[in-house]
Amino acid sequence: MNGIFFSVNLADTINQGFTRMVQQYADQFHVVSTWLLVWILNPVEHGLQATPPVVLLLALGILAWLGIRRLVPTIMMVALIYSIGCLGLWSKLISTVSIMVVALLVTVIIGIPMGIAMAKSKALRRVLNPVLDMMQTLPSFVYLIPVLMLFGLGRVPAVFATTVYALPPLMRLTELGLRQLPEDVLEASQAFGATPMQQLFAVELPLALPSIMAGVNQAVMMSLAMVVIASMIGAKGLGEDVLASINNLDMGQGIQAGLAIVMLAVVFDRITQAYGRSRRARLKITKANKQPIRKSSAATAEKQEAKA
């Protein structure tokens, strides 16, 4: 039965290719790793660590209030983050958030422009869709192997692994939001003489913002899902405690760190969802406000005709 199969060994070919890449471009990857660490990761983490917790909690409350616009949920969001500090995990929370913020920034910088390009080009969409399928299907542990070979241990490979893991949903939802825009709105903007760039920034992106924010929300959630896995390659933070609890069979430490990750996930999830919903609410309010105006103008016209 085994005689019908040809012998194919992809592992050796892939290993040789990556080994050759590391040998030829090791200096370039080291420069990228050093630049990202020195100029972005370290300033973000040191800045957050140096900021008093009260200021960070206040900033979180303002951010939550601007999105949610309700007092009780805003207080709950702040209370959840405060609870992580009460568990003695504030420093590790900041380390986790700094990695997440940088990874999310890289994901947004790459994902939104690529999603726009996919929405505008069918050929690019055909090429990238299988790649995105593979990125979403591959186990997250597989991402750690190439980034370890290229960037070594530490926070930098954690950022790149998290970016690769979180990129597909943002690209897909950005592209979906732009492709599902009403045709009459686009035709109206073109009729008023809007250039393609004006139409993109003034019409398409604002209308597609709920879908884009849903993509950002998914990217945040997937970034948090990589927290524990990234700790295996030297990334500090809440995942470090989870990994240590597994190694030491310390159930209490694992549950405490796990609860902290859950609370952080709830806060980020609710805030990013709120910003997507607030945009939809503003659109509904605008439509609702236009209808009485039309009715009143029609009634005024009828009264004028009756008087005449």
C-alpha atoms as a PDB file:
ATOM      1  CA  MET A   1       0.000   0.000   0.000  1.00  0.00           C
ATOM      2  CA  ASN A   2       2.828   2.390   0.835  1.00  0.00           C
ATOM      3  CA  GLY A   3       4.382   1.743  -2.557  1.00  0.00           C
ATOM      4  CA  ILE A   4       1.929   4.064  -4.322  1.00  0.00           C
ATOM      5  CA  PHE A   5       3.301   7.172  -2.527  1.00  0.00           C
ATOM      6  CA  PHE A   6       6.221   9.238  -3.774  1.00  0.00           C
ATOM      7  CA  SER A   7       8.756  10.159  -1.129  1.00  0.00           C
ATOM      8  CA  VAL A   8       8.626  13.935  -0.546  1.00  0.00           C
ATOM      9  CA  ASN A   9      10.548  15.609   2.286  1.00  0.00           C
ATOM     10  CA  LEU A  10       9.625  19.271   2.695  1.00  0.00           C
ATOM     11  CA  ALA A  11      11.327  19.588   6.071  1.00  0.00           C
ATOM     12  CA  ASP A  12      14.877  19.439   4.691  1.00  0.00           C
ATOM     13  CA  THR A  13      14.108  21.939   1.932  1.00  0.00           C
ATOM     14  CA  ILE A  14      12.496  24.399   4.361  1.00  0.00           C
ATOM     15  CA  ASN A  15      15.353  24.030   6.857  1.00  0.00           C
ATOM     16  CA  GLN A  16      17.951  24.650   4.173  1.00  0.00           C
ATOM     17  CA  GLY A  17      16.091  27.708   2.927  1.00  0.00           C
ATOM     18  CA  PHE A  18      15.778  29.258   6.381  1.00  0.00           C
ATOM     19  CA  THR A  19      19.381  28.424   7.252  1.00  0.00           C
ATOM     20  CA  ARG A  20      20.543  30.131   4.066  1.00  0.00           C
ATOM     21  CA  MET A  21      18.347  33.157   4.822  1.00  0.00           C
ATOM     22  CA  VAL A  22      19.725  33.476   8.343  1.00  0.00           C
ATOM     23  CA  GLN A  23      23.308  33.203   7.115  1.00  0.00           C
ATOM     24  CA  GLN A  24      22.852  35.825   4.395  1.00  0.00           C
ATOM     25  CA  TYR A  25      20.631  38.346   6.190  1.00  0.00           C
ATOM     26  CA  ALA A  26      21.530  37.868   9.858  1.00  0.00           C
ATOM     27  CA  ASP A  27      22.930  41.399  10.142  1.00  0.00           C
ATOM     28  CA  GLN A  28      19.809  42.977   8.635  1.00  0.00           C
ATOM     29  CA  PHE A  29      17.505  41.059  10.966  1.00  0.00           C
ATOM     30  CA  HIS A  30      19.692  42.059  13.917  1.00  0.00           C
ATOM     31  CA  VAL A  31      19.412  45.725  12.895  1.00  0.00           C
ATOM     32  CA  VAL A  32      15.614  45.456  12.684  1.00  0.00           C
ATOM     33  CA  SER A  33      15.457  43.703  16.050  1.00  0.00           C
ATOM     34  CA  THR A  34      17.689  46.287  17.736  1.00  0.00           C
ATOM     35  CA  TRP A  35      15.812  49.223  16.196  1.00  0.00           C
ATOM     36  CA  LEU A  36      12.425  47.880  17.256  1.00  0.00           C
ATOM     37  CA  LEU A  37      13.675  47.108  20.754  1.00  0.00           C
ATOM     38  CA  VAL A  38      15.571  50.353  21.375  1.00  0.00           C
ATOM     39  CA  TRP A  39      13.306  52.864  19.657  1.00  0.00           C
ATOM     40  CA  ILE A  40       9.813  51.437  20.171  1.00  0.00           C
ATOM     41  CA  LEU A  41       9.482  48.603  22.690  1.00  0.00           C
ATOM     42  CA  ASN A  42      11.747  49.962  25.416  1.00  0.00           C
ATOM     43  CA  PRO A  43      10.376  53.551  25.309  1.00  0.00           C
ATOM     44  CA  VAL A  44       6.772  52.295  25.395  1.00  0.00           C
ATOM     45  CA  GLU A  45       7.365  49.920  28.297  1.00  0.00           C
ATOM     46  CA  HIS A  46       9.569  52.319  30.275  1.00  0.00           C
ATOM     47  CA  GLY A  47       7.094  55.137  29.721  1.00  0.00           C
ATOM     48  CA  LEU A  48       4.187  53.038  30.962  1.00  0.00           C
ATOM     49  CA  GLN A  49       6.180  51.715  33.918  1.00  0.00           C
ATOM     50  CA  ALA A  50       7.218  55.258  34.902  1.00  0.00           C
ATOM     51  CA  THR A  51       3.666  56.592  34.706  1.00  0.00           C
ATOM     52  CA  PRO A  52       1.826  56.485  38.066  1.00  0.00           C
ATOM     53  CA  PRO A  53      -0.919  53.843  38.125  1.00  0.00           C
ATOM     54  CA  VAL A  54      -3.496  56.502  39.052  1.00  0.00           C
ATOM     55  CA  VAL A  55      -2.755  58.380  35.819  1.00  0.00           C
ATOM     56  CA  LEU A  56      -3.030  55.207  33.733  1.00  0.00           C
ATOM     57  CA  LEU A  57      -6.320  54.253  35.392  1.00  0.00           C
ATOM     58  CA  LEU A  58      -7.656  57.764  34.792  1.00  0.00           C
ATOM     59  CA  ALA A  59      -6.596  57.638  31.138  1.00  0.00           C
ATOM     60  CA  LEU A  60      -8.286  54.250  30.790  1.00  0.00           C
ATOM     61  CA  GLY A  61     -11.472  55.658  32.332  1.00  0.00           C
ATOM     62  CA  ILE A  62     -11.498  58.577  29.873  1.00  0.00           C
ATOM     63  CA  LEU A  63     -10.877  56.237  26.936  1.00  0.00           C
ATOM     64  CA  ALA A  64     -13.648  53.891  28.080  1.00  0.00           C
ATOM     65  CA  TRP A  65     -16.085  56.758  28.674  1.00  0.00           C
ATOM     66  CA  LEU A  66     -15.509  58.245  25.204  1.00  0.00           C
ATOM     67  CA  GLY A  67     -16.396  54.888  23.668  1.00  0.00           C
ATOM     68  CA  ILE A  68     -19.047  53.469  25.992  1.00  0.00           C
ATOM     69  CA  ARG A  69     -20.726  56.733  27.156  1.00  0.00           C
ATOM     70  CA  ARG A  70     -22.127  54.984  30.249  1.00  0.00           C
ATOM     71  CA  LEU A  71     -20.894  55.488  33.785  1.00  0.00           C
ATOM     72  CA  VAL A  72     -21.312  52.021  35.314  1.00  0.00           C
ATOM     73  CA  PRO A  73     -19.510  50.048  32.545  1.00  0.00           C
ATOM     74  CA  THR A  74     -16.730  52.649  32.545  1.00  0.00           C
ATOM     75  CA  ILE A  75     -16.231  52.225  36.305  1.00  0.00           C
ATOM     76  CA  MET A  76     -16.247  48.446  35.848  1.00  0.00           C
ATOM     77  CA  MET A  77     -13.511  48.640  33.197  1.00  0.00           C
ATOM     78  CA  VAL A  78     -11.308  50.692  35.521  1.00  0.00           C
ATOM     79  CA  ALA A  79     -12.098  48.380  38.442  1.00  0.00           C
ATOM     80  CA  LEU A  80     -10.997  45.311  36.474  1.00  0.00           C
ATOM     81  CA  ILE A  81      -7.597  46.807  35.683  1.00  0.00           C
ATOM     82  CA  TYR A  82      -7.294  48.023  39.283  1.00  0.00           C
ATOM     83  CA  SER A  83      -7.977  44.427  40.407  1.00  0.00           C
ATOM     84  CA  ILE A  84      -4.967  43.206  38.414  1.00  0.00           C
ATOM     85  CA  GLY A  85      -2.814  45.637  40.367  1.00  0.00           C
ATOM     86  CA  CYS A  86      -4.330  44.349  43.621  1.00  0.00           C
ATOM     87  CA  LEU A  87      -3.151  40.855  42.654  1.00  0.00           C
ATOM     88  CA  GLY A  88       0.432  42.163  42.561  1.00  0.00           C
ATOM     89  CA  LEU A  89       0.685  41.855  38.774  1.00  0.00           C
ATOM     90  CA  TRP A  90       0.810  45.526  37.775  1.00  0.00           C
ATOM     91  CA  SER A  91       4.391  45.421  36.460  1.00  0.00           C
ATOM     92  CA  LYS A  92       3.721  42.288  34.422  1.00  0.00           C
ATOM     93  CA  LEU A  93       0.478  43.815  33.176  1.00  0.00           C
ATOM     94  CA  ILE A  94       2.443  46.779  31.825  1.00  0.00           C
ATOM     95  CA  SER A  95       4.928  44.443  30.104  1.00  0.00           C
ATOM     96  CA  THR A  96       2.060  42.571  28.447  1.00  0.00           C
ATOM     97  CA  VAL A  97       0.278  45.761  27.401  1.00  0.00           C
ATOM     98  CA  SER A  98       3.472  47.235  25.924  1.00  0.00           C
ATOM     99  CA  ILE A  99       4.004  44.170  23.719  1.00  0.00           C
ATOM    100  CA  MET A 100       0.328  44.228  22.735  1.00  0.00           C
ATOM    101  CA  VAL A 101       0.360  47.942  21.907  1.00  0.00           C
ATOM    102  CA  VAL A 102       3.439  47.659  19.687  1.00  0.00           C
ATOM    103  CA  ALA A 103       2.158  44.496  17.984  1.00  0.00           C
ATOM    104  CA  LEU A 104      -1.245  46.110  17.436  1.00  0.00           C
ATOM    105  CA  LEU A 105       0.395  49.233  16.011  1.00  0.00           C
ATOM    106  CA  VAL A 106       2.397  47.141  13.522  1.00  0.00           C
ATOM    107  CA  THR A 107      -0.722  45.111  12.695  1.00  0.00           C
ATOM    108  CA  VAL A 108      -2.800  48.240  12.003  1.00  0.00           C
ATOM    109  CA  ILE A 109      -0.036  49.861   9.905  1.00  0.00           C
ATOM    110  CA  ILE A 110       0.189  46.751   7.732  1.00  0.00           C
ATOM    111  CA  GLY A 111      -3.355  45.370   7.925  1.00  0.00           C
ATOM    112  CA  ILE A 112      -5.529  48.379   7.062  1.00  0.00           C
ATOM    113  CA  PRO A 113      -3.581  49.452   3.921  1.00  0.00           C
ATOM    114  CA  MET A 114      -3.445  45.829   2.762  1.00  0.00           C
ATOM    115  CA  GLY A 115      -7.185  45.452   3.383  1.00  0.00           C
ATOM    116  CA  ILE A 116      -7.819  48.608   1.326  1.00  0.00           C
ATOM    117  CA  ALA A 117      -5.625  47.265  -1.476  1.00  0.00           C
ATOM    118  CA  MET A 118      -7.497  43.935  -1.405  1.00  0.00           C
ATOM    119  CA  ALA A 119     -10.838  45.741  -1.644  1.00  0.00           C
ATOM    120  CA  LYS A 120      -9.629  47.700  -4.685  1.00  0.00           C
ATOM    121  CA  SER A 121      -7.927  44.839  -6.544  1.00  0.00           C
ATOM    122  CA  LYS A 122      -9.539  41.489  -7.347  1.00  0.00           C
ATOM    123  CA  ALA A 123      -6.210  40.065  -8.514  1.00  0.00           C
ATOM    124  CA  LEU A 124      -4.521  40.924  -5.215  1.00  0.00           C
ATOM    125  CA  ARG A 125      -7.497  39.464  -3.346  1.00  0.00           C
ATOM    126  CA  ARG A 126      -7.128  36.166  -5.207  1.00  0.00           C
ATOM    127  CA  VAL A 127      -3.429  36.022  -4.365  1.00  0.00           C
ATOM    128  CA  LEU A 128      -3.692  37.002  -0.687  1.00  0.00           C
ATOM    129  CA  ASN A 129      -6.788  35.019   0.324  1.00  0.00           C
ATOM    130  CA  PRO A 130      -4.972  31.640   0.293  1.00  0.00           C
ATOM    131  CA  VAL A 131      -2.080  33.213   2.212  1.00  0.00           C
ATOM    132  CA  LEU A 132      -4.474  34.564   4.849  1.00  0.00           C
ATOM    133  CA  ASP A 133      -6.193  31.172   5.036  1.00  0.00           C
ATOM    134  CA  MET A 134      -2.832  29.550   5.746  1.00  0.00           C
ATOM    135  CA  MET A 135      -1.928  32.196   8.355  1.00  0.00           C
ATOM    136  CA  GLN A 136      -5.226  31.615  10.173  1.00  0.00           C
ATOM    137  CA  THR A 137      -5.038  27.821   9.950  1.00  0.00           C
ATOM    138  CA  LEU A 138      -1.436  27.233  11.001  1.00  0.00           C
ATOM    139  CA  PRO A 139      -1.029  26.506  14.735  1.00  0.00           C
ATOM    140  CA  SER A 140       0.278  29.531  16.561  1.00  0.00           C
ATOM    141  CA  PHE A 141       3.288  27.545  17.799  1.00  0.00           C
ATOM    142  CA  VAL A 142       4.495  27.270  14.207  1.00  0.00           C
ATOM    143  CA  TYR A 143       4.970  31.055  14.073  1.00  0.00           C
ATOM    144  CA  LEU A 144       7.536  30.846  16.854  1.00  0.00           C
ATOM    145  CA  ILE A 145      10.011  28.749  14.869  1.00  0.00           C
ATOM    146  CA  PRO A 146      10.849  31.202  12.041  1.00  0.00           C
ATOM    147  CA  VAL A 147      10.826  34.295  14.281  1.00  0.00           C
ATOM    148  CA  LEU A 148      13.181  32.538  16.715  1.00  0.00           C
ATOM    149  CA  MET A 149      15.553  31.686  13.884  1.00  0.00           C
ATOM    150  CA  LEU A 150      15.448  35.229  12.491  1.00  0.00           C
ATOM    151  CA  PHE A 151      15.296  37.370  15.654  1.00  0.00           C
ATOM    152  CA  GLY A 152      16.328  35.156  18.576  1.00  0.00           C
ATOM    153  CA  LEU A 153      14.715  35.148  22.019  1.00  0.00           C
ATOM    154  CA  GLY A 154      12.942  38.081  23.669  1.00  0.00           C
ATOM    155  CA  ARG A 155      10.162  40.566  23.082  1.00  0.00           C
ATOM    156  CA  VAL A 156      10.941  41.334  19.428  1.00  0.00           C
ATOM    157  CA  PRO A 157      10.058  37.843  18.122  1.00  0.00           C
ATOM    158  CA  ALA A 158       6.966  37.960  20.344  1.00  0.00           C
ATOM    159  CA  VAL A 159       5.854  41.157  18.584  1.00  0.00           C
ATOM    160  CA  PHE A 160       6.368  39.663  15.123  1.00  0.00           C
ATOM    161  CA  ALA A 161       4.674  36.352  16.002  1.00  0.00           C
ATOM    162  CA  THR A 162       1.724  38.248  17.464  1.00  0.00           C
ATOM    163  CA  THR A 163       1.514  40.462  14.385  1.00  0.00           C
ATOM    164  CA  VAL A 164       1.425  37.483  12.021  1.00  0.00           C
ATOM    165  CA  TYR A 165      -1.258  35.829  14.147  1.00  0.00           C
ATOM    166  CA  ALA A 166      -3.439  38.963  14.434  1.00  0.00           C
ATOM    167  CA  LEU A 167      -3.062  40.286  10.882  1.00  0.00           C
ATOM    168  CA  PRO A 168      -5.551  38.132   8.884  1.00  0.00           C
ATOM    169  CA  PRO A 169      -8.819  39.178  10.633  1.00  0.00           C
ATOM    170  CA  LEU A 170      -7.971  42.873  10.372  1.00  0.00           C
ATOM    171  CA  MET A 171      -7.169  42.591   6.660  1.00  0.00           C
ATOM    172  CA  ARG A 172     -10.291  40.543   5.930  1.00  0.00           C
ATOM    173  CA  LEU A 173     -12.697  42.769   7.865  1.00  0.00           C
ATOM    174  CA  THR A 174     -11.220  45.952   6.372  1.00  0.00           C
ATOM    175  CA  GLU A 175     -11.638  44.539   2.893  1.00  0.00           C
ATOM    176  CA  LEU A 176     -15.154  43.281   3.685  1.00  0.00           C
ATOM    177  CA  GLY A 177     -16.245  46.632   5.104  1.00  0.00           C
ATOM    178  CA  LEU A 178     -15.064  48.515   2.005  1.00  0.00           C
ATOM    179  CA  ARG A 179     -16.591  46.050  -0.459  1.00  0.00           C
ATOM    180  CA  GLN A 180     -20.019  46.140   1.220  1.00  0.00           C
ATOM    181  CA  LEU A 181     -20.480  49.906   1.012  1.00  0.00           C
ATOM    182  CA  PRO A 182     -23.709  51.089  -0.690  1.00  0.00           C
ATOM    183  CA  GLU A 183     -23.178  51.729  -4.391  1.00  0.00           C
ATOM    184  CA  ASP A 184     -25.465  54.768  -4.405  1.00  0.00           C
ATOM    185  CA  VAL A 185     -23.298  56.532  -1.806  1.00  0.00           C
ATOM    186  CA  LEU A 186     -20.151  55.905  -3.851  1.00  0.00           C
ATOM    187  CA  GLU A 187     -21.867  57.073  -7.041  1.00  0.00           C
ATOM    188  CA  ALA A 188     -23.080  60.226  -5.285  1.00  0.00           C
ATOM    189  CA  SER A 189     -19.559  61.086  -4.104  1.00  0.00           C
ATOM    190  CA  GLN A 190     -18.243  60.559  -7.634  1.00  0.00           C
ATOM    191  CA  ALA A 191     -21.035  62.733  -9.036  1.00  0.00           C
ATOM    192  CA  PHE A 192     -19.953  65.578  -6.755  1.00  0.00           C
ATOM    193  CA  GLY A 193     -16.463  65.374  -8.261  1.00  0.00           C
ATOM    194  CA  ALA A 194     -14.595  63.611  -5.454  1.00  0.00           C
ATOM    195  CA  THR A 195     -11.209  62.230  -6.407  1.00  0.00           C
ATOM    196  CA  PRO A 196     -10.424  58.584  -5.547  1.00  0.00           C
ATOM    197  CA  MET A 197      -8.358  59.663  -2.529  1.00  0.00           C
ATOM    198  CA  GLN A 198     -11.048  62.068  -1.325  1.00  0.00           C
ATOM    199  CA  GLN A 199     -13.685  59.366  -1.732  1.00  0.00           C
ATOM    200  CA  LEU A 200     -11.543  56.871   0.191  1.00  0.00           C
ATOM    201  CA  PHE A 201     -10.790  59.093   3.193  1.00  0.00           C
ATOM    202  CA  ALA A 202     -13.998  61.138   3.341  1.00  0.00           C
ATOM    203  CA  VAL A 203     -16.605  58.521   2.389  1.00  0.00           C
ATOM    204  CA  GLU A 204     -15.411  54.920   2.277  1.00  0.00           C
ATOM    205  CA  LEU A 205     -13.246  54.667   5.404  1.00  0.00           C
ATOM    206  CA  PRO A 206     -15.740  56.509   7.687  1.00  0.00           C
ATOM    207  CA  LEU A 207     -18.572  54.265   6.508  1.00  0.00           C
ATOM    208  CA  ALA A 208     -16.438  51.128   6.819  1.00  0.00           C
ATOM    209  CA  LEU A 209     -15.181  52.124  10.280  1.00  0.00           C
ATOM    210  CA  PRO A 210     -17.486  49.685  12.193  1.00  0.00           C
ATOM    211  CA  SER A 211     -16.084  46.767  10.219  1.00  0.00           C
ATOM    212  CA  ILE A 212     -12.513  48.053  10.615  1.00  0.00           C
ATOM    213  CA  MET A 213     -13.016  48.438  14.361  1.00  0.00           C
ATOM    214  CA  ALA A 214     -14.341  44.877  14.479  1.00  0.00           C
ATOM    215  CA  GLY A 215     -11.079  43.842  12.816  1.00  0.00           C
ATOM    216  CA  VAL A 216      -9.097  45.811  15.401  1.00  0.00           C
ATOM    217  CA  ASN A 217     -11.119  44.100  18.117  1.00  0.00           C
ATOM    218  CA  GLN A 218     -10.266  40.682  16.705  1.00  0.00           C
ATOM    219  CA  ALA A 219      -6.607  41.661  16.395  1.00  0.00           C
ATOM    220  CA  VAL A 220      -6.564  42.668  20.076  1.00  0.00           C
ATOM    221  CA  MET A 221      -8.160  39.396  21.136  1.00  0.00           C
ATOM    222  CA  MET A 222      -5.740  37.333  19.079  1.00  0.00           C
ATOM    223  CA  SER A 223      -2.818  39.334  20.452  1.00  0.00           C
ATOM    224  CA  LEU A 224      -3.938  38.422  23.966  1.00  0.00           C
ATOM    225  CA  ALA A 225      -4.233  34.794  22.896  1.00  0.00           C
ATOM    226  CA  MET A 226      -0.512  34.897  22.051  1.00  0.00           C
ATOM    227  CA  VAL A 227       0.473  36.198  25.500  1.00  0.00           C
ATOM    228  CA  VAL A 228       1.090  32.787  27.045  1.00  0.00           C
ATOM    229  CA  ILE A 229       2.659  31.351  23.902  1.00  0.00           C
ATOM    230  CA  ALA A 230       4.985  34.355  23.527  1.00  0.00           C
ATOM    231  CA  SER A 231       6.254  33.772  27.076  1.00  0.00           C
ATOM    232  CA  MET A 232       7.829  30.549  25.795  1.00  0.00           C
ATOM    233  CA  ILE A 233      10.270  32.602  23.706  1.00  0.00           C
ATOM    234  CA  GLY A 234      11.304  35.006  26.439  1.00  0.00           C
ATOM    235  CA  ALA A 235       8.519  37.609  26.373  1.00  0.00           C
ATOM    236  CA  LYS A 236       7.857  38.906  29.862  1.00  0.00           C
ATOM    237  CA  GLY A 237       4.408  39.625  31.212  1.00  0.00           C
ATOM    238  CA  LEU A 238       1.334  37.835  32.470  1.00  0.00           C
ATOM    239  CA  GLY A 239       2.008  34.816  30.296  1.00  0.00           C
ATOM    240  CA  GLU A 240       5.291  34.314  32.131  1.00  0.00           C
ATOM    241  CA  ASP A 241       3.395  33.493  35.325  1.00  0.00           C
ATOM    242  CA  VAL A 242       1.142  31.036  33.480  1.00  0.00           C
ATOM    243  CA  LEU A 243       4.172  29.269  32.017  1.00  0.00           C
ATOM    244  CA  ALA A 244       5.890  29.192  35.410  1.00  0.00           C
ATOM    245  CA  SER A 245       2.764  27.725  37.015  1.00  0.00           C
ATOM    246  CA  ILE A 246       2.751  24.939  34.421  1.00  0.00           C
ATOM    247  CA  ASN A 247       6.417  24.154  35.051  1.00  0.00           C
ATOM    248  CA  ASN A 248       5.984  24.209  38.850  1.00  0.00           C
ATOM    249  CA  LEU A 249       2.460  22.711  38.946  1.00  0.00           C
ATOM    250  CA  ASP A 250       1.370  25.806  40.885  1.00  0.00           C
ATOM    251  CA  MET A 251      -2.379  25.934  40.317  1.00  0.00           C
ATOM    252  CA  GLY A 252      -2.916  29.091  42.371  1.00  0.00           C
ATOM    253  CA  GLN A 253      -0.360  31.116  40.435  1.00  0.00           C
ATOM    254  CA  GLY A 254      -1.772  29.876  37.129  1.00  0.00           C
ATOM    255  CA  ILE A 255      -5.378  30.751  37.992  1.00  0.00           C
ATOM    256  CA  GLN A 256      -4.355  34.182  39.294  1.00  0.00           C
ATOM    257  CA  ALA A 257      -2.403  35.033  36.121  1.00  0.00           C
ATOM    258  CA  GLY A 258      -5.160  33.532  33.976  1.00  0.00           C
ATOM    259  CA  LEU A 259      -7.795  35.689  35.658  1.00  0.00           C
ATOM    260  CA  ALA A 260      -5.631  38.758  35.050  1.00  0.00           C
ATOM    261  CA  ILE A 261      -5.425  37.904  31.333  1.00  0.00           C
ATOM    262  CA  VAL A 262      -9.199  37.393  31.208  1.00  0.00           C
ATOM    263  CA  MET A 263      -9.851  40.757  32.887  1.00  0.00           C
ATOM    264  CA  LEU A 264      -7.473  42.493  30.481  1.00  0.00           C
ATOM    265  CA  ALA A 265      -9.199  40.790  27.551  1.00  0.00           C
ATOM    266  CA  VAL A 266     -12.640  41.896  28.765  1.00  0.00           C
ATOM    267  CA  VAL A 267     -11.505  45.524  29.071  1.00  0.00           C
ATOM    268  CA  PHE A 268      -9.905  45.657  25.621  1.00  0.00           C
ATOM    269  CA  ASP A 269     -12.820  43.789  24.046  1.00  0.00           C
ATOM    270  CA  ARG A 270     -15.517  46.072  25.490  1.00  0.00           C
ATOM    271  CA  ILE A 271     -13.670  49.287  24.669  1.00  0.00           C
ATOM    272  CA  THR A 272     -12.859  48.364  21.044  1.00  0.00           C
ATOM    273  CA  GLN A 273     -16.413  47.099  20.501  1.00  0.00           C
ATOM    274  CA  ALA A 274     -17.799  50.319  21.965  1.00  0.00           C
ATOM    275  CA  TYR A 275     -15.916  52.473  19.479  1.00  0.00           C
ATOM    276  CA  GLY A 276     -17.344  50.412  16.609  1.00  0.00           C
ATOM    277  CA  ARG A 277     -20.884  50.664  17.982  1.00  0.00           C
ATOM    278  CA  SER A 278     -20.626  54.384  18.658  1.00  0.00           C
ATOM    279  CA  ARG A 279     -19.999  54.994  14.967  1.00  0.00           C
ATOM    280  CA  ARG A 280     -23.073  52.976  14.017  1.00  0.00           C
ATOM    281  CA  ALA A 281     -25.146  54.884  16.581  1.00  0.00           C
ATOM    282  CA  ARG A 282     -24.072  58.219  15.133  1.00  0.00           C
ATOM    283  CA  LEU A 283     -25.077  57.070  11.654  1.00  0.00           C
ATOM    284  CA  LYS A 284     -28.515  55.964  12.903  1.00  0.00           C
ATOM    285  CA  ILE A 285     -29.047  59.246  14.729  1.00  0.00           C
ATOM    286  CA  THR A 286     -28.143  61.188  11.597  1.00  0.00           C
ATOM    287  CA  LYS A 287     -30.659  59.223   9.528  1.00  0.00           C
ATOM    288  CA  ALA A 288     -33.336  59.616  12.187  1.00  0.00           C
ATOM    289  CA  ASN A 289     -32.805  63.372  12.300  1.00  0.00           C
ATOM    290  CA  LYS A 290     -33.214  63.730   8.560  1.00  0.00           C
ATOM    291  CA  GLN A 291     -36.671  62.150   8.400  1.00  0.00           C
ATOM    292  CA  PRO A 292     -38.575  64.766  10.484  1.00  0.00           C
ATOM    293  CA  ILE A 293     -36.944  67.505   8.434  1.00  0.00           C
ATOM    294  CA  ARG A 294     -38.260  65.992   5.228  1.00  0.00           C
ATOM    295  CA  LYS A 295     -41.748  65.596   6.703  1.00  0.00           C
ATOM    296  CA  SER A 296     -41.842  69.155   8.019  1.00  0.00           C
ATOM    297  CA  SER A 297     -40.667  70.539   4.677  1.00  0.00           C
ATOM    298  CA  ALA A 298     -43.392  68.574   2.878  1.00  0.00           C
ATOM    299  CA  ALA A 299     -46.031  69.841   5.335  1.00  0.00           C
ATOM    300  CA  THR A 300     -44.846  73.421   4.840  1.00  0.00           C
ATOM    301  CA  ALA A 301     -45.114  73.046   1.074  1.00  0.00           C
ATOM    302  CA  GLU A 302     -48.703  71.739   1.370  1.00  0.00           C
ATOM    303  CA  LYS A 303     -49.689  74.692   3.590  1.00  0.00           C
ATOM    304  CA  GLN A 304     -48.218  77.158   1.119  1.00  0.00           C
ATOM    305  CA  GLU A 305     -50.131  75.525  -1.745  1.00  0.00           C
ATOM    306  CA  ALA A 306     -53.377  75.681   0.316  1.00  0.00           C
ATOM    307  CA  LYS A 307     -52.892  79.391   1.003  1.00  0.00           C
ATOM    308  CA  ALA A 308     -52.237  80.066  -2.648  1.00  0.00           C
END
